[in-house]
Amino acid sequence: MRYKNEIIILLSIIFLIGSYIFKQNSSKASFEMMQNNKKDLMEVQKVISLEHIWSTKKLSSNLNSLKNIVDKEKIQWHKNGKKLFVKFIDINSDELNKILNKVLNTAIQIEEISIDRNNDNYIMELKCKW
């Protein structure tokens, strides 16, 4: 038992290093958890704001203004509650751009969109909901 004090000091230094490593790991884990909580909170706030936007009455009337961009003969319009299916037939590029700008600047969820070209005209199908 000649080196009793040295062994006690060595064990206490090992214990001290282990405690320090444990503290660093636990603080790192709590910081990551806090960052994840902030991210989740921001996502929930975004969903709430989108639900508020989608529940407004102006959204339906805003989509109804798509009918005024092109002639009525070029539109097949099927609106069912909060779902819409529109097919624009034989529209030119200017009308297509106006329609796309209107759709993309409106807070809707686009389920399907397809644009086909026939010579100089386009056929566009849009399925969306809000």
Foldseek 3Di string as FASTA:
>chain_A
DVCVVVVVVVVVVVVVVVVVVVVVVVVVVVVVVVVVVVVVVVVVVVVVVLVVQQPDPVLVVLVVCLPVLDDVVQWDWDDDPQKIKIKGHFAAPVSVVVNVVSVVPGSWAWPDWDWDDDPRGIIIITIIGD
